[in-house]
Amino acid sequence: MRFRKSWRWLTLMLLVPGISLLSTGGRTNAGPLAFDLQLNVPPVIADSQAPKACTVTYLIADTVNNDLYAARMRIASAETDGPVDNRMPCPPNVPPHVALQALDTCATRAGEARSCVFADMTRGFEREPEIRNTSENASRCASDKFSDIGVACWTSGKLSVCDVGCGNSPADAMTRARARCQEKQQQSCPVMATVPVSGP
Protein backbone atom coordinates (compact mmCIF):
# COMPACT_ATOMS: atom_id res chain seq x y z
CA MET A 1 0.00 0.00 0.00
CA ARG A 2 1.09 3.59 -0.53
CA PHE A 3 0.07 6.68 1.34
CA ARG A 4 -1.75 9.47 -0.47
CA LYS A 5 -0.12 12.67 0.72
CA SER A 6 -3.13 14.92 0.37
CA TRP A 7 -5.56 15.39 3.24
CA ARG A 8 -9.22 16.07 2.48
CA TRP A 9 -10.60 18.87 4.62
CA LEU A 10 -14.22 19.60 5.49
CA THR A 11 -15.79 21.81 8.11
CA LEU A 12 -18.11 20.36 10.68
CA MET A 13 -18.57 21.39 14.30
CA LEU A 14 -20.52 19.27 16.73
CA LEU A 15 -21.22 21.08 19.99
CA VAL A 16 -21.67 19.06 23.17
CA PRO A 17 -21.59 20.39 26.75
CA GLY A 18 -18.09 21.48 27.68
CA ILE A 19 -16.32 20.49 24.48
CA SER A 20 -16.30 21.24 20.76
CA LEU A 21 -15.65 18.50 18.20
CA LEU A 22 -14.35 19.86 14.92
CA SER A 23 -14.06 17.51 11.98
CA THR A 24 -11.49 18.64 9.46
CA GLY A 25 -10.92 17.29 6.01
CA GLY A 26 -12.22 18.71 2.51
CA ARG A 27 -10.91 20.66 -0.42
CA THR A 28 -12.12 23.74 -2.28
CA ASN A 29 -11.43 24.59 -5.90
CA ALA A 30 -11.60 27.97 -7.59
CA GLY A 31 -10.98 29.18 -11.13
CA PRO A 32 -12.63 30.48 -14.31
CA LEU A 33 -15.53 28.53 -15.77
CA ALA A 34 -15.16 27.10 -19.26
CA PHE A 35 -17.62 28.45 -21.83
CA ASP A 36 -17.85 25.05 -23.54
CA LEU A 37 -20.11 23.29 -21.08
CA GLN A 38 -20.34 20.12 -23.19
CA LEU A 39 -24.03 19.76 -22.43
CA ASN A 40 -24.24 16.81 -24.78
CA VAL A 41 -22.06 14.75 -22.39
CA PRO A 42 -24.06 12.86 -19.76
CA PRO A 43 -23.21 13.75 -16.14
CA VAL A 44 -20.72 11.63 -14.25
CA ILE A 45 -22.41 9.70 -11.48
CA ALA A 46 -20.39 8.28 -8.60
CA ASP A 47 -20.71 4.55 -8.09
CA SER A 48 -22.54 4.26 -4.78
CA GLN A 49 -21.65 0.56 -4.67
CA ALA A 50 -17.89 1.15 -5.01
CA PRO A 51 -15.80 -0.07 -2.04
CA LYS A 52 -14.94 2.62 0.50
CA ALA A 53 -11.33 3.82 0.31
CA CYS A 54 -9.19 3.37 3.40
CA THR A 55 -9.41 6.31 5.81
CA VAL A 56 -7.56 6.61 9.11
CA THR A 57 -9.16 9.13 11.47
CA TYR A 58 -7.47 10.57 14.56
CA LEU A 59 -9.09 12.51 17.38
CA ILE A 60 -6.80 15.33 18.54
CA ALA A 61 -7.44 17.53 21.58
CA ASP A 62 -6.52 21.17 22.19
CA THR A 63 -6.16 21.24 25.98
CA VAL A 64 -6.32 25.04 26.17
CA ASN A 65 -9.59 25.60 24.27
CA ASN A 66 -11.16 22.17 24.94
CA ASP A 67 -11.58 21.62 21.19
CA LEU A 68 -11.42 18.18 19.58
CA TYR A 69 -10.34 17.74 15.97
CA ALA A 70 -11.11 14.74 13.77
CA ALA A 71 -8.18 14.50 11.33
CA ARG A 72 -8.81 12.14 8.39
CA MET A 73 -6.29 10.73 5.93
CA ARG A 74 -7.30 8.81 2.83
CA ILE A 75 -4.89 6.02 1.96
CA ALA A 76 -4.58 4.68 -1.58
CA SER A 77 -4.73 0.90 -1.86
CA ALA A 78 -2.25 -1.17 -3.82
CA GLU A 79 -3.42 -2.62 -7.12
CA THR A 80 -3.32 -6.10 -5.59
CA ASP A 81 -5.65 -5.13 -2.71
CA GLY A 82 -9.27 -6.19 -2.86
CA PRO A 83 -12.24 -5.09 -0.77
CA VAL A 84 -13.52 -7.01 2.23
CA ASP A 85 -17.15 -6.35 3.13
CA ASN A 86 -17.07 -3.47 0.60
CA ARG A 87 -14.17 -1.77 2.44
CA MET A 88 -10.66 -1.42 1.08
CA PRO A 89 -7.98 -2.61 3.53
CA CYS A 90 -5.90 -0.20 5.59
CA PRO A 91 -2.20 -0.78 6.40
CA PRO A 92 -1.59 -2.68 9.68
CA ASN A 93 1.08 -0.16 10.67
CA VAL A 94 0.54 3.58 10.29
CA PRO A 95 3.82 5.51 9.78
CA PRO A 96 4.72 8.11 12.44
CA HIS A 97 4.47 11.02 9.99
CA VAL A 98 0.73 10.37 9.67
CA ALA A 99 0.25 10.95 13.40
CA LEU A 100 2.37 14.10 13.25
CA GLN A 101 0.29 15.41 10.37
CA ALA A 102 -2.85 14.75 12.42
CA LEU A 103 -1.40 16.83 15.25
CA ASP A 104 -0.72 19.63 12.76
CA THR A 105 -4.49 19.81 12.17
CA CYS A 106 -4.80 21.11 15.71
CA ALA A 107 -1.54 23.05 15.82
CA THR A 108 -2.53 25.31 12.91
CA ARG A 109 -5.63 26.41 14.82
CA ALA A 110 -4.52 26.32 18.47
CA GLY A 111 -2.78 29.13 20.29
CA GLU A 112 0.33 26.97 20.70
CA ALA A 113 1.29 23.55 19.36
CA ARG A 114 2.15 22.20 22.82
CA SER A 115 -1.54 22.24 23.74
CA CYS A 116 -2.33 19.69 20.99
CA VAL A 117 -2.38 16.07 22.17
CA PHE A 118 -3.91 12.76 21.16
CA ALA A 119 -7.41 12.45 22.58
CA ASP A 120 -6.93 9.08 24.29
CA MET A 121 -5.48 10.09 27.64
CA THR A 122 -3.92 8.20 30.55
CA ARG A 123 -5.22 8.26 34.08
CA GLY A 124 -3.89 11.35 35.84
CA PHE A 125 -3.73 13.37 32.63
CA GLU A 126 -5.39 16.27 34.43
CA ARG A 127 -2.27 16.63 36.61
CA GLU A 128 0.17 16.49 33.67
CA PRO A 129 -1.70 17.44 30.48
CA GLU A 130 1.13 16.57 28.08
CA ILE A 131 1.32 14.52 24.90
CA ARG A 132 3.50 11.88 26.59
CA ASN A 133 0.45 11.03 28.71
CA THR A 134 -1.68 10.16 25.67
CA SER A 135 -1.90 7.18 23.29
CA GLU A 136 -1.43 7.70 19.55
CA ASN A 137 -2.60 4.18 18.61
CA ALA A 138 -5.76 4.34 20.71
CA SER A 139 -6.69 7.79 19.33
CA ARG A 140 -7.33 6.54 15.79
CA CYS A 141 -9.76 4.27 13.97
CA ALA A 142 -9.41 2.77 10.49
CA SER A 143 -12.31 2.49 8.06
CA ASP A 144 -11.63 -1.15 7.12
CA LYS A 145 -12.61 -2.20 10.64
CA PHE A 146 -14.91 0.56 11.92
CA SER A 147 -17.44 3.08 10.62
CA ASP A 148 -17.45 5.51 13.58
CA ILE A 149 -15.02 7.01 16.09
CA GLY A 150 -16.25 8.21 19.46
CA VAL A 151 -14.92 10.10 22.45
CA ALA A 152 -16.03 10.22 26.08
CA CYS A 153 -14.75 12.73 28.63
CA TRP A 154 -14.98 13.88 32.20
CA THR A 155 -14.18 17.40 33.31
CA SER A 156 -11.45 18.31 35.78
CA GLY A 157 -11.87 22.02 36.43
CA LYS A 158 -11.86 23.51 32.93
CA LEU A 159 -9.97 20.60 31.36
CA SER A 160 -11.71 17.77 29.50
CA VAL A 161 -10.03 14.41 30.08
CA CYS A 162 -11.01 11.96 27.34
CA ASP A 163 -10.65 8.52 25.84
CA VAL A 164 -11.52 7.18 22.40
CA GLY A 165 -13.51 4.22 21.10
CA CYS A 166 -14.04 2.71 17.65
CA GLY A 167 -17.34 1.13 16.61
CA ASN A 168 -19.58 0.20 13.73
CA SER A 169 -22.33 2.65 14.64
CA PRO A 170 -22.35 5.97 16.51
CA ALA A 171 -23.92 4.26 19.54
CA ASP A 172 -21.31 1.47 19.46
CA ALA A 173 -18.43 3.96 19.25
CA MET A 174 -19.80 6.04 22.15
CA THR A 175 -20.40 2.96 24.29
CA ARG A 176 -16.83 1.76 23.71
CA ALA A 177 -15.39 5.23 24.35
CA ARG A 178 -17.35 5.64 27.58
CA ALA A 179 -16.38 2.17 28.82
CA ARG A 180 -12.71 2.86 28.08
CA CYS A 181 -12.85 6.28 29.74
CA GLN A 182 -14.60 5.01 32.87
CA GLU A 183 -12.21 2.07 33.21
CA LYS A 184 -9.05 4.13 32.68
CA GLN A 185 -10.04 7.30 34.49
CA GLN A 186 -12.13 5.72 37.26
CA GLN A 187 -14.62 8.54 36.66
CA SER A 188 -18.07 8.93 35.16
CA CYS A 189 -17.56 10.15 31.57
CA PRO A 190 -20.81 11.87 30.56
CA VAL A 191 -19.51 14.13 27.77
CA MET A 192 -19.60 12.18 24.50
CA ALA A 193 -19.51 12.71 20.74
CA THR A 194 -18.92 10.74 17.54
CA VAL A 195 -18.02 11.35 13.90
CA PRO A 196 -17.90 8.94 10.93
CA VAL A 197 -14.44 7.52 10.27
CA SER A 198 -14.73 7.97 6.50
CA GLY A 199 -16.47 11.33 6.66
CA PRO A 200 -19.11 12.52 4.20
C-alpha atoms as a PDB file:
ATOM      1  CA  MET A   1       0.000   0.000   0.000  1.00  0.00           C
ATOM      2  CA  ARG A   2       1.093   3.588  -0.531  1.00  0.00           C
ATOM      3  CA  PHE A   3       0.067   6.681   1.340  1.00  0.00           C
ATOM      4  CA  ARG A   4      -1.746   9.471  -0.466  1.00  0.00           C
ATOM      5  CA  LYS A   5      -0.120  12.669   0.722  1.00  0.00           C
ATOM      6  CA  SER A   6      -3.126  14.924   0.372  1.00  0.00           C
ATOM      7  CA  TRP A   7      -5.555  15.385   3.242  1.00  0.00           C
ATOM      8  CA  ARG A   8      -9.223  16.070   2.482  1.00  0.00           C
ATOM      9  CA  TRP A   9     -10.602  18.867   4.618  1.00  0.00           C
ATOM     10  CA  LEU A  10     -14.221  19.595   5.495  1.00  0.00           C
ATOM     11  CA  THR A  11     -15.787  21.813   8.110  1.00  0.00           C
ATOM     12  CA  LEU A  12     -18.106  20.361  10.685  1.00  0.00           C
ATOM     13  CA  MET A  13     -18.574  21.387  14.297  1.00  0.00           C
ATOM     14  CA  LEU A  14     -20.520  19.273  16.733  1.00  0.00           C
ATOM     15  CA  LEU A  15     -21.216  21.075  19.994  1.00  0.00           C
ATOM     16  CA  VAL A  16     -21.671  19.061  23.165  1.00  0.00           C
ATOM     17  CA  PRO A  17     -21.590  20.386  26.747  1.00  0.00           C
ATOM     18  CA  GLY A  18     -18.089  21.484  27.683  1.00  0.00           C
ATOM     19  CA  ILE A  19     -16.324  20.486  24.479  1.00  0.00           C
ATOM     20  CA  SER A  20     -16.296  21.241  20.758  1.00  0.00           C
ATOM     21  CA  LEU A  21     -15.646  18.497  18.198  1.00  0.00           C
ATOM     22  CA  LEU A  22     -14.352  19.860  14.918  1.00  0.00           C
ATOM     23  CA  SER A  23     -14.057  17.514  11.977  1.00  0.00           C
ATOM     24  CA  THR A  24     -11.486  18.642   9.459  1.00  0.00           C
ATOM     25  CA  GLY A  25     -10.916  17.294   6.014  1.00  0.00           C
ATOM     26  CA  GLY A  26     -12.224  18.712   2.510  1.00  0.00           C
ATOM     27  CA  ARG A  27     -10.906  20.664  -0.419  1.00  0.00           C
ATOM     28  CA  THR A  28     -12.120  23.744  -2.276  1.00  0.00           C
ATOM     29  CA  ASN A  29     -11.430  24.588  -5.897  1.00  0.00           C
ATOM     30  CA  ALA A  30     -11.601  27.975  -7.591  1.00  0.00           C
ATOM     31  CA  GLY A  31     -10.982  29.175 -11.126  1.00  0.00           C
ATOM     32  CA  PRO A  32     -12.632  30.483 -14.314  1.00  0.00           C
ATOM     33  CA  LEU A  33     -15.526  28.534 -15.775  1.00  0.00           C
ATOM     34  CA  ALA A  34     -15.161  27.101 -19.260  1.00  0.00           C
ATOM     35  CA  PHE A  35     -17.617  28.447 -21.832  1.00  0.00           C
ATOM     36  CA  ASP A  36     -17.848  25.052 -23.543  1.00  0.00           C
ATOM     37  CA  LEU A  37     -20.108  23.290 -21.076  1.00  0.00           C
ATOM     38  CA  GLN A  38     -20.344  20.118 -23.188  1.00  0.00           C
ATOM     39  CA  LEU A  39     -24.028  19.764 -22.425  1.00  0.00           C
ATOM     40  CA  ASN A  40     -24.245  16.811 -24.784  1.00  0.00           C
ATOM     41  CA  VAL A  41     -22.063  14.753 -22.385  1.00  0.00           C
ATOM     42  CA  PRO A  42     -24.063  12.862 -19.758  1.00  0.00           C
ATOM     43  CA  PRO A  43     -23.210  13.746 -16.144  1.00  0.00           C
ATOM     44  CA  VAL A  44     -20.725  11.625 -14.255  1.00  0.00           C
ATOM     45  CA  ILE A  45     -22.414   9.699 -11.479  1.00  0.00           C
ATOM     46  CA  ALA A  46     -20.387   8.281  -8.601  1.00  0.00           C
ATOM     47  CA  ASP A  47     -20.711   4.548  -8.086  1.00  0.00           C
ATOM     48  CA  SER A  48     -22.543   4.259  -4.783  1.00  0.00           C
ATOM     49  CA  GLN A  49     -21.651   0.563  -4.673  1.00  0.00           C
ATOM     50  CA  ALA A  50     -17.888   1.154  -5.014  1.00  0.00           C
ATOM     51  CA  PRO A  51     -15.799  -0.068  -2.040  1.00  0.00           C
ATOM     52  CA  LYS A  52     -14.939   2.622   0.501  1.00  0.00           C
ATOM     53  CA  ALA A  53     -11.325   3.817   0.312  1.00  0.00           C
ATOM     54  CA  CYS A  54      -9.191   3.365   3.402  1.00  0.00           C
ATOM     55  CA  THR A  55      -9.412   6.308   5.813  1.00  0.00           C
ATOM     56  CA  VAL A  56      -7.558   6.612   9.107  1.00  0.00           C
ATOM     57  CA  THR A  57      -9.156   9.126  11.471  1.00  0.00           C
ATOM     58  CA  TYR A  58      -7.466  10.569  14.563  1.00  0.00           C
ATOM     59  CA  LEU A  59      -9.085  12.514  17.380  1.00  0.00           C
ATOM     60  CA  ILE A  60      -6.798  15.326  18.536  1.00  0.00           C
ATOM     61  CA  ALA A  61      -7.441  17.530  21.577  1.00  0.00           C
ATOM     62  CA  ASP A  62      -6.523  21.165  22.195  1.00  0.00           C
ATOM     63  CA  THR A  63      -6.158  21.237  25.983  1.00  0.00           C
ATOM     64  CA  VAL A  64      -6.323  25.042  26.171  1.00  0.00           C
ATOM     65  CA  ASN A  65      -9.585  25.599  24.275  1.00  0.00           C
ATOM     66  CA  ASN A  66     -11.157  22.167  24.936  1.00  0.00           C
ATOM     67  CA  ASP A  67     -11.576  21.621  21.194  1.00  0.00           C
ATOM     68  CA  LEU A  68     -11.420  18.177  19.583  1.00  0.00           C
ATOM     69  CA  TYR A  69     -10.335  17.739  15.974  1.00  0.00           C
ATOM     70  CA  ALA A  70     -11.109  14.740  13.769  1.00  0.00           C
ATOM     71  CA  ALA A  71      -8.184  14.497  11.329  1.00  0.00           C
ATOM     72  CA  ARG A  72      -8.808  12.145   8.391  1.00  0.00           C
ATOM     73  CA  MET A  73      -6.286  10.734   5.927  1.00  0.00           C
ATOM     74  CA  ARG A  74      -7.303   8.815   2.832  1.00  0.00           C
ATOM     75  CA  ILE A  75      -4.889   6.016   1.962  1.00  0.00           C
ATOM     76  CA  ALA A  76      -4.584   4.682  -1.577  1.00  0.00           C
ATOM     77  CA  SER A  77      -4.726   0.903  -1.864  1.00  0.00           C
ATOM     78  CA  ALA A  78      -2.250  -1.173  -3.824  1.00  0.00           C
ATOM     79  CA  GLU A  79      -3.420  -2.617  -7.116  1.00  0.00           C
ATOM     80  CA  THR A  80      -3.320  -6.103  -5.590  1.00  0.00           C
ATOM     81  CA  ASP A  81      -5.645  -5.127  -2.705  1.00  0.00           C
ATOM     82  CA  GLY A  82      -9.268  -6.186  -2.858  1.00  0.00           C
ATOM     83  CA  PRO A  83     -12.241  -5.085  -0.766  1.00  0.00           C
ATOM     84  CA  VAL A  84     -13.516  -7.015   2.233  1.00  0.00           C
ATOM     85  CA  ASP A  85     -17.151  -6.346   3.134  1.00  0.00           C
ATOM     86  CA  ASN A  86     -17.072  -3.467   0.604  1.00  0.00           C
ATOM     87  CA  ARG A  87     -14.174  -1.768   2.443  1.00  0.00           C
ATOM     88  CA  MET A  88     -10.663  -1.417   1.079  1.00  0.00           C
ATOM     89  CA  PRO A  89      -7.979  -2.607   3.531  1.00  0.00           C
ATOM     90  CA  CYS A  90      -5.896  -0.201   5.589  1.00  0.00           C
ATOM     91  CA  PRO A  91      -2.203  -0.785   6.402  1.00  0.00           C
ATOM     92  CA  PRO A  92      -1.595  -2.675   9.677  1.00  0.00           C
ATOM     93  CA  ASN A  93       1.080  -0.164  10.674  1.00  0.00           C
ATOM     94  CA  VAL A  94       0.536   3.579  10.290  1.00  0.00           C
ATOM     95  CA  PRO A  95       3.816   5.511   9.778  1.00  0.00           C
ATOM     96  CA  PRO A  96       4.721   8.112  12.444  1.00  0.00           C
ATOM     97  CA  HIS A  97       4.468  11.018   9.986  1.00  0.00           C
ATOM     98  CA  VAL A  98       0.730  10.372   9.669  1.00  0.00           C
ATOM     99  CA  ALA A  99       0.253  10.950  13.404  1.00  0.00           C
ATOM    100  CA  LEU A 100       2.372  14.102  13.249  1.00  0.00           C
ATOM    101  CA  GLN A 101       0.285  15.410  10.368  1.00  0.00           C
ATOM    102  CA  ALA A 102      -2.846  14.751  12.416  1.00  0.00           C
ATOM    103  CA  LEU A 103      -1.396  16.829  15.252  1.00  0.00           C
ATOM    104  CA  ASP A 104      -0.721  19.625  12.765  1.00  0.00           C
ATOM    105  CA  THR A 105      -4.486  19.810  12.172  1.00  0.00           C
ATOM    106  CA  CYS A 106      -4.804  21.113  15.710  1.00  0.00           C
ATOM    107  CA  ALA A 107      -1.538  23.053  15.824  1.00  0.00           C
ATOM    108  CA  THR A 108      -2.527  25.314  12.915  1.00  0.00           C
ATOM    109  CA  ARG A 109      -5.633  26.406  14.823  1.00  0.00           C
ATOM    110  CA  ALA A 110      -4.525  26.325  18.468  1.00  0.00           C
ATOM    111  CA  GLY A 111      -2.775  29.134  20.286  1.00  0.00           C
ATOM    112  CA  GLU A 112       0.326  26.965  20.699  1.00  0.00           C
ATOM    113  CA  ALA A 113       1.294  23.550  19.357  1.00  0.00           C
ATOM    114  CA  ARG A 114       2.151  22.195  22.816  1.00  0.00           C
ATOM    115  CA  SER A 115      -1.536  22.241  23.740  1.00  0.00           C
ATOM    116  CA  CYS A 116      -2.327  19.690  20.990  1.00  0.00           C
ATOM    117  CA  VAL A 117      -2.375  16.071  22.171  1.00  0.00           C
ATOM    118  CA  PHE A 118      -3.908  12.757  21.162  1.00  0.00           C
ATOM    119  CA  ALA A 119      -7.413  12.449  22.584  1.00  0.00           C
ATOM    120  CA  ASP A 120      -6.934   9.075  24.289  1.00  0.00           C
ATOM    121  CA  MET A 121      -5.482  10.089  27.645  1.00  0.00           C
ATOM    122  CA  THR A 122      -3.924   8.204  30.550  1.00  0.00           C
ATOM    123  CA  ARG A 123      -5.221   8.259  34.083  1.00  0.00           C
ATOM    124  CA  GLY A 124      -3.893  11.346  35.843  1.00  0.00           C
ATOM    125  CA  PHE A 125      -3.727  13.371  32.626  1.00  0.00           C
ATOM    126  CA  GLU A 126      -5.392  16.270  34.429  1.00  0.00           C
ATOM    127  CA  ARG A 127      -2.267  16.633  36.609  1.00  0.00           C
ATOM    128  CA  GLU A 128       0.169  16.491  33.673  1.00  0.00           C
ATOM    129  CA  PRO A 129      -1.695  17.435  30.480  1.00  0.00           C
ATOM    130  CA  GLU A 130       1.135  16.573  28.082  1.00  0.00           C
ATOM    131  CA  ILE A 131       1.321  14.523  24.899  1.00  0.00           C
ATOM    132  CA  ARG A 132       3.503  11.878  26.587  1.00  0.00           C
ATOM    133  CA  ASN A 133       0.448  11.032  28.707  1.00  0.00           C
ATOM    134  CA  THR A 134      -1.679  10.158  25.667  1.00  0.00           C
ATOM    135  CA  SER A 135      -1.898   7.184  23.294  1.00  0.00           C
ATOM    136  CA  GLU A 136      -1.430   7.696  19.546  1.00  0.00           C
ATOM    137  CA  ASN A 137      -2.601   4.184  18.607  1.00  0.00           C
ATOM    138  CA  ALA A 138      -5.761   4.345  20.713  1.00  0.00           C
ATOM    139  CA  SER A 139      -6.687   7.790  19.333  1.00  0.00           C
ATOM    140  CA  ARG A 140      -7.333   6.541  15.788  1.00  0.00           C
ATOM    141  CA  CYS A 141      -9.756   4.271  13.967  1.00  0.00           C
ATOM    142  CA  ALA A 142      -9.414   2.769  10.494  1.00  0.00           C
ATOM    143  CA  SER A 143     -12.307   2.487   8.062  1.00  0.00           C
ATOM    144  CA  ASP A 144     -11.631  -1.149   7.123  1.00  0.00           C
ATOM    145  CA  LYS A 145     -12.607  -2.199  10.643  1.00  0.00           C
ATOM    146  CA  PHE A 146     -14.910   0.559  11.919  1.00  0.00           C
ATOM    147  CA  SER A 147     -17.439   3.078  10.623  1.00  0.00           C
ATOM    148  CA  ASP A 148     -17.450   5.508  13.580  1.00  0.00           C
ATOM    149  CA  ILE A 149     -15.017   7.007  16.086  1.00  0.00           C
ATOM    150  CA  GLY A 150     -16.252   8.206  19.458  1.00  0.00           C
ATOM    151  CA  VAL A 151     -14.925  10.099  22.454  1.00  0.00           C
ATOM    152  CA  ALA A 152     -16.025  10.219  26.078  1.00  0.00           C
ATOM    153  CA  CYS A 153     -14.748  12.728  28.628  1.00  0.00           C
ATOM    154  CA  TRP A 154     -14.981  13.877  32.198  1.00  0.00           C
ATOM    155  CA  THR A 155     -14.184  17.403  33.314  1.00  0.00           C
ATOM    156  CA  SER A 156     -11.452  18.312  35.775  1.00  0.00           C
ATOM    157  CA  GLY A 157     -11.869  22.016  36.433  1.00  0.00           C
ATOM    158  CA  LYS A 158     -11.857  23.511  32.932  1.00  0.00           C
ATOM    159  CA  LEU A 159      -9.973  20.597  31.359  1.00  0.00           C
ATOM    160  CA  SER A 160     -11.715  17.773  29.501  1.00  0.00           C
ATOM    161  CA  VAL A 161     -10.031  14.410  30.080  1.00  0.00           C
ATOM    162  CA  CYS A 162     -11.011  11.964  27.339  1.00  0.00           C
ATOM    163  CA  ASP A 163     -10.652   8.518  25.845  1.00  0.00           C
ATOM    164  CA  VAL A 164     -11.516   7.182  22.399  1.00  0.00           C
ATOM    165  CA  GLY A 165     -13.506   4.218  21.098  1.00  0.00           C
ATOM    166  CA  CYS A 166     -14.036   2.706  17.650  1.00  0.00           C
ATOM    167  CA  GLY A 167     -17.339   1.129  16.614  1.00  0.00           C
ATOM    168  CA  ASN A 168     -19.584   0.201  13.733  1.00  0.00           C
ATOM    169  CA  SER A 169     -22.331   2.649  14.636  1.00  0.00           C
ATOM    170  CA  PRO A 170     -22.349   5.969  16.512  1.00  0.00           C
ATOM    171  CA  ALA A 171     -23.922   4.257  19.542  1.00  0.00           C
ATOM    172  CA  ASP A 172     -21.311   1.475  19.463  1.00  0.00           C
ATOM    173  CA  ALA A 173     -18.430   3.963  19.254  1.00  0.00           C
ATOM    174  CA  MET A 174     -19.801   6.040  22.151  1.00  0.00           C
ATOM    175  CA  THR A 175     -20.398   2.956  24.289  1.00  0.00           C
ATOM    176  CA  ARG A 176     -16.829   1.764  23.715  1.00  0.00           C
ATOM    177  CA  ALA A 177     -15.386   5.226  24.351  1.00  0.00           C
ATOM    178  CA  ARG A 178     -17.350   5.635  27.582  1.00  0.00           C
ATOM    179  CA  ALA A 179     -16.375   2.169  28.820  1.00  0.00           C
ATOM    180  CA  ARG A 180     -12.709   2.861  28.085  1.00  0.00           C
ATOM    181  CA  CYS A 181     -12.854   6.280  29.742  1.00  0.00           C
ATOM    182  CA  GLN A 182     -14.598   5.014  32.872  1.00  0.00           C
ATOM    183  CA  GLU A 183     -12.210   2.065  33.208  1.00  0.00           C
ATOM    184  CA  LYS A 184      -9.045   4.128  32.680  1.00  0.00           C
ATOM    185  CA  GLN A 185     -10.039   7.299  34.487  1.00  0.00           C
ATOM    186  CA  GLN A 186     -12.134   5.725  37.260  1.00  0.00           C
ATOM    187  CA  GLN A 187     -14.617   8.537  36.664  1.00  0.00           C
ATOM    188  CA  SER A 188     -18.066   8.929  35.163  1.00  0.00           C
ATOM    189  CA  CYS A 189     -17.564  10.153  31.575  1.00  0.00           C
ATOM    190  CA  PRO A 190     -20.813  11.870  30.558  1.00  0.00           C
ATOM    191  CA  VAL A 191     -19.506  14.130  27.772  1.00  0.00           C
ATOM    192  CA  MET A 192     -19.604  12.179  24.500  1.00  0.00           C
ATOM    193  CA  ALA A 193     -19.513  12.714  20.735  1.00  0.00           C
ATOM    194  CA  THR A 194     -18.924  10.736  17.543  1.00  0.00           C
ATOM    195  CA  VAL A 195     -18.017  11.350  13.899  1.00  0.00           C
ATOM    196  CA  PRO A 196     -17.901   8.938  10.935  1.00  0.00           C
ATOM    197  CA  VAL A 197     -14.436   7.524  10.267  1.00  0.00           C
ATOM    198  CA  SER A 198     -14.725   7.967   6.500  1.00  0.00           C
ATOM    199  CA  GLY A 199     -16.469  11.328   6.656  1.00  0.00           C
ATOM    200  CA  PRO A 200     -19.111  12.523   4.199  1.00  0.00           C
END
